[in-house]
């Protein structure tokens, strides 16, 4: 049974809320768990019209049992020296180093995925090898103490999987029932191989129209990865 177990979610501008809202709901029902939501300087983070505040100062956190890095648009966070230093520091003593969606790219940029299998959002998964990781299309992927979840909604699967380890399978099943997590999606459109090329293309168009330029983000991460391979540290 979990006892005084600290889980840290490092948040950043551009984070996708659902990446951590699913897992934190699962973790919140585990006895003895303390969850900390932190950002550089404790600054608020927003998604659309929703803003989270107050947040803990990420740079002040000394340790955690579980580091859970959510995804979103991650390129700018990769270039934030304070953020990346905190990821490395907290990961160095964590029992589990974890991520959801493109959060695995942040783990990769921190040098934490060399030679490890990892999941990621389908649109960015092929960038993982640039950080020495082995891309895996699974919803939840474990490689040693590193546990990664796939894109966005896979965070719930990830949260329940980790809950079973942090507590036990009975508690994880109790959490799942409490959440009434029994997905029956209206369309078979949750993976790119299940839909037409037109639908895949519309994803990129939709993100650009909503002010989230996925092709530009992809190119930015590629540039950060090039610096990573050269051994360059993130800019301050």
Protein backbone atom coordinates (compact mmCIF):
# COMPACT_ATOMS: atom_id res chain seq x y z
CA UNK A 1 0.00 0.00 0.00
CA UNK A 2 1.27 3.47 -0.84
CA UNK A 3 2.42 5.55 2.14
CA UNK A 4 3.57 9.20 2.00
CA UNK A 5 4.23 8.80 -1.70
CA UNK A 6 4.97 12.05 -3.56
CA UNK A 7 4.04 12.46 -7.23
CA UNK A 8 5.25 15.56 -9.08
CA UNK A 9 3.71 16.87 -12.30
CA UNK A 10 6.03 19.46 -13.92
CA UNK A 11 3.81 21.80 -15.94
CA UNK A 12 4.81 24.33 -18.62
CA UNK A 13 3.29 26.77 -21.12
CA UNK A 14 1.73 24.68 -23.88
CA UNK A 15 0.93 21.68 -21.66
CA UNK A 16 -2.15 19.59 -22.53
CA UNK A 17 -4.36 19.39 -19.47
CA UNK A 18 -5.85 15.98 -20.24
CA UNK A 19 -2.35 14.47 -20.24
CA UNK A 20 -2.18 14.91 -16.47
CA UNK A 21 -5.84 15.27 -15.46
CA UNK A 22 -6.53 11.60 -16.21
CA UNK A 23 -3.55 10.26 -14.23
CA UNK A 24 -4.02 12.68 -11.34
CA UNK A 25 -7.64 11.55 -10.97
CA UNK A 26 -6.46 7.95 -10.67
CA UNK A 27 -3.62 8.80 -8.30
CA UNK A 28 -5.85 10.97 -6.09
CA UNK A 29 -7.76 7.87 -4.98
CA UNK A 30 -4.67 6.01 -3.77
CA UNK A 31 -4.27 6.25 0.03
CA UNK A 32 -1.18 8.12 1.19
CA UNK A 33 -0.42 9.87 -2.10
CA UNK A 34 0.52 13.54 -2.26
CA UNK A 35 0.40 15.17 -5.68
CA UNK A 36 2.35 18.34 -6.46
CA UNK A 37 1.71 20.45 -9.56
CA UNK A 38 4.66 22.69 -10.29
CA UNK A 39 6.00 25.09 -12.89
CA UNK A 40 9.12 27.22 -13.27
CA UNK A 41 8.74 30.09 -10.85
CA UNK A 42 5.33 28.75 -9.82
CA UNK A 43 3.87 30.63 -12.77
CA UNK A 44 0.26 29.83 -13.79
CA UNK A 45 -0.26 27.67 -16.88
CA UNK A 46 -3.21 27.90 -19.21
CA UNK A 47 -4.99 25.86 -21.84
CA UNK A 48 -7.62 27.83 -23.68
CA UNK A 49 -9.64 29.79 -21.12
CA UNK A 50 -8.65 27.54 -18.18
CA UNK A 51 -5.77 28.63 -15.96
CA UNK A 52 -4.16 26.64 -13.16
CA UNK A 53 -2.84 28.61 -10.18
CA UNK A 54 -1.24 28.66 -7.72
CA UNK A 55 1.48 26.15 -8.61
CA UNK A 56 4.54 25.06 -6.66
CA UNK A 57 7.94 26.34 -7.75
CA UNK A 58 9.46 23.49 -9.75
CA UNK A 59 13.02 24.59 -9.06
CA UNK A 60 12.42 24.36 -5.28
CA UNK A 61 11.35 20.70 -5.27
CA UNK A 62 14.11 18.43 -4.01
CA UNK A 63 12.73 14.95 -4.66
CA UNK A 64 9.73 12.83 -5.54
CA UNK A 65 8.77 9.17 -5.68
CA UNK A 66 7.09 9.49 -9.07
CA UNK A 67 7.94 12.05 -11.74
CA UNK A 68 5.08 12.34 -14.22
CA UNK A 69 5.82 14.59 -17.19
CA UNK A 70 2.79 15.50 -19.31
CA UNK A 71 3.00 16.50 -22.95
CA UNK A 72 1.59 19.11 -25.24
CA UNK A 73 3.68 21.58 -27.22
CA UNK A 74 7.01 20.80 -25.60
CA UNK A 75 9.72 22.48 -27.73
CA UNK A 76 9.91 25.66 -25.65
CA UNK A 77 10.03 23.70 -22.39
CA UNK A 78 12.93 21.70 -23.84
CA UNK A 79 14.85 24.96 -24.24
CA UNK A 80 14.16 26.12 -20.68
CA UNK A 81 17.30 25.30 -18.69
CA UNK A 82 15.57 25.62 -15.30
CA UNK A 83 12.77 23.28 -16.35
CA UNK A 84 15.09 20.67 -17.85
CA UNK A 85 17.50 20.78 -14.90
CA UNK A 86 14.56 20.13 -12.58
CA UNK A 87 13.46 17.13 -14.67
CA UNK A 88 16.94 15.61 -14.45
CA UNK A 89 17.27 16.32 -10.72
CA UNK A 90 13.89 14.87 -9.77
CA UNK A 91 14.35 11.86 -12.06
CA UNK A 92 17.70 11.02 -10.48
CA UNK A 93 16.11 9.75 -7.26
CA UNK A 94 12.54 8.95 -8.36
CA UNK A 95 11.22 5.43 -7.98
CA UNK A 96 9.35 5.83 -11.27
CA UNK A 97 10.15 8.21 -14.13
CA UNK A 98 7.04 8.57 -16.27
CA UNK A 99 5.34 10.59 -18.98
CA UNK A 100 2.20 10.90 -21.03
CA UNK A 101 1.94 11.84 -24.71
CA UNK A 102 4.81 14.04 -25.93
CA UNK A 103 6.09 14.25 -22.37
CA UNK A 104 8.35 11.37 -23.40
CA UNK A 105 10.18 13.79 -25.71
CA UNK A 106 10.95 15.91 -22.64
CA UNK A 107 12.32 12.84 -20.90
CA UNK A 108 14.35 12.13 -24.00
CA UNK A 109 15.72 15.66 -24.18
CA UNK A 110 16.73 15.29 -20.51
CA UNK A 111 18.83 12.25 -21.47
CA UNK A 112 16.56 9.79 -19.64
CA UNK A 113 15.49 7.53 -22.50
CA UNK A 114 18.76 6.38 -24.05
CA UNK A 115 18.23 2.80 -25.23
CA UNK A 116 14.76 2.59 -23.65
CA UNK A 117 11.41 1.84 -25.27
CA UNK A 118 8.92 4.67 -24.95
CA UNK A 119 5.45 5.68 -26.04
CA UNK A 120 4.46 9.05 -27.46
CA UNK A 121 1.67 10.76 -29.39
CA UNK A 122 1.53 9.21 -32.87
CA UNK A 123 2.30 12.53 -34.58
CA UNK A 124 5.66 12.91 -32.82
CA UNK A 125 6.63 9.31 -32.04
CA UNK A 126 9.17 9.09 -34.84
CA UNK A 127 11.21 11.82 -33.13
CA UNK A 128 12.03 9.60 -30.16
CA UNK A 129 15.07 7.94 -31.83
CA UNK A 130 16.64 11.40 -32.15
CA UNK A 131 16.96 11.28 -28.35
CA UNK A 132 18.23 7.70 -28.29
CA UNK A 133 14.86 6.14 -27.45
CA UNK A 134 13.08 3.21 -29.11
CA UNK A 135 9.55 4.22 -30.21
CA UNK A 136 6.74 1.90 -29.14
CA UNK A 137 3.11 2.30 -30.31
CA UNK A 138 1.70 0.91 -27.06
CA UNK A 139 -0.82 2.74 -24.92
CA UNK A 140 1.38 2.09 -21.88
CA UNK A 141 5.04 1.09 -22.23
CA UNK A 142 7.34 0.05 -19.40
CA UNK A 143 11.11 -0.24 -19.63
CA UNK A 144 12.62 -0.70 -16.20
CA UNK A 145 11.53 2.12 -13.91
CA UNK A 146 10.48 4.25 -16.89
CA UNK A 147 6.77 4.09 -17.70
CA UNK A 148 5.38 6.10 -20.62
CA UNK A 149 1.86 6.59 -21.90
CA UNK A 150 0.77 7.22 -25.47
CA UNK A 151 -1.18 10.22 -26.69
CA UNK A 152 -3.47 12.20 -24.37
CA UNK A 153 -6.28 9.75 -23.50
CA UNK A 154 -3.73 6.98 -22.93
CA UNK A 155 -2.97 8.90 -19.76
CA UNK A 156 -5.94 7.21 -18.10
CA UNK A 157 -4.64 3.74 -19.03
CA UNK A 158 -1.23 4.85 -17.79
CA UNK A 159 -2.66 6.17 -14.53
CA UNK A 160 -4.53 2.95 -13.79
CA UNK A 161 -1.50 0.82 -14.71
CA UNK A 162 0.75 2.76 -12.37
CA UNK A 163 -1.92 2.81 -9.64
CA UNK A 164 -1.82 -0.99 -9.63
CA UNK A 165 1.93 -0.84 -8.95
CA UNK A 166 1.84 1.99 -6.43
CA UNK A 167 -0.98 0.33 -4.48
CA UNK A 168 -2.38 -2.96 -5.80
CA UNK A 169 -4.61 -4.22 -8.65
CA UNK A 170 -7.73 -4.22 -6.47
CA UNK A 171 -7.34 -0.53 -5.72
CA UNK A 172 -6.64 0.22 -9.38
CA UNK A 173 -9.82 -1.63 -10.36
CA UNK A 174 -11.74 0.26 -7.68
CA UNK A 175 -10.42 3.52 -9.13
CA UNK A 176 -11.39 2.44 -12.65
CA UNK A 177 -14.92 1.62 -11.55
CA UNK A 178 -15.20 4.91 -9.67
CA UNK A 179 -14.13 6.74 -12.83
CA UNK A 180 -16.53 4.54 -14.86
CA UNK A 181 -13.72 4.07 -17.33
CA UNK A 182 -15.24 1.71 -19.89
CA UNK A 183 -14.50 3.47 -23.18
CA UNK A 184 -16.74 2.85 -26.19
CA UNK A 185 -15.63 5.51 -28.70
CA UNK A 186 -18.20 6.51 -31.33
CA UNK A 187 -15.67 6.08 -34.14
CA UNK A 188 -12.71 3.85 -34.87
CA UNK A 189 -10.56 6.91 -35.42
CA UNK A 190 -8.13 6.89 -32.51
CA UNK A 191 -5.06 5.84 -34.49
CA UNK A 192 -3.78 7.16 -37.83
CA UNK A 193 -3.78 3.71 -39.42
CA UNK A 194 -7.53 3.44 -38.75
CA UNK A 195 -8.52 6.53 -40.74
CA UNK A 196 -8.07 8.00 -44.20
CA UNK A 197 -5.13 10.20 -45.18
CA UNK A 198 -7.63 13.06 -45.44
CA UNK A 199 -8.49 12.77 -41.74
CA UNK A 200 -4.81 12.64 -40.78
CA UNK A 201 -4.18 15.80 -42.82
CA UNK A 202 -7.15 17.54 -41.17
CA UNK A 203 -5.50 17.04 -37.78
CA UNK A 204 -2.62 19.28 -38.79
CA UNK A 205 -4.97 21.82 -40.37
CA UNK A 206 -7.14 21.92 -37.25
CA UNK A 207 -4.20 22.50 -34.93
CA UNK A 208 -2.90 25.38 -37.07
CA UNK A 209 -6.35 26.98 -37.15
CA UNK A 210 -6.49 26.76 -33.34
CA UNK A 211 -3.13 28.46 -32.97
CA UNK A 212 -1.19 25.24 -32.36
CA UNK A 213 1.07 24.74 -35.34
CA UNK A 214 1.94 21.04 -35.23
CA UNK A 215 4.34 21.09 -38.23
CA UNK A 216 6.23 24.03 -36.69
CA UNK A 217 6.41 22.24 -33.34
CA UNK A 218 7.74 19.12 -35.06
CA UNK A 219 10.51 21.17 -36.70
CA UNK A 220 11.39 22.88 -33.40
CA UNK A 221 11.76 19.55 -31.63
CA UNK A 222 13.98 18.33 -34.47
CA UNK A 223 16.27 21.32 -33.91
CA UNK A 224 16.42 20.68 -30.17
CA UNK A 225 17.25 17.03 -30.91
CA UNK A 226 20.11 18.13 -33.15
CA UNK A 227 21.55 20.12 -30.24
CA UNK A 228 21.02 17.10 -27.99
CA UNK A 229 23.06 14.90 -30.31
CA UNK A 230 25.81 17.51 -30.35
CA UNK A 231 25.78 17.53 -26.56
CA UNK A 232 24.52 21.10 -26.30
CA UNK A 233 22.57 22.06 -23.17
CA UNK A 234 19.20 23.84 -23.41
CA UNK A 235 19.40 27.60 -23.67
CA UNK A 236 18.76 29.59 -20.49
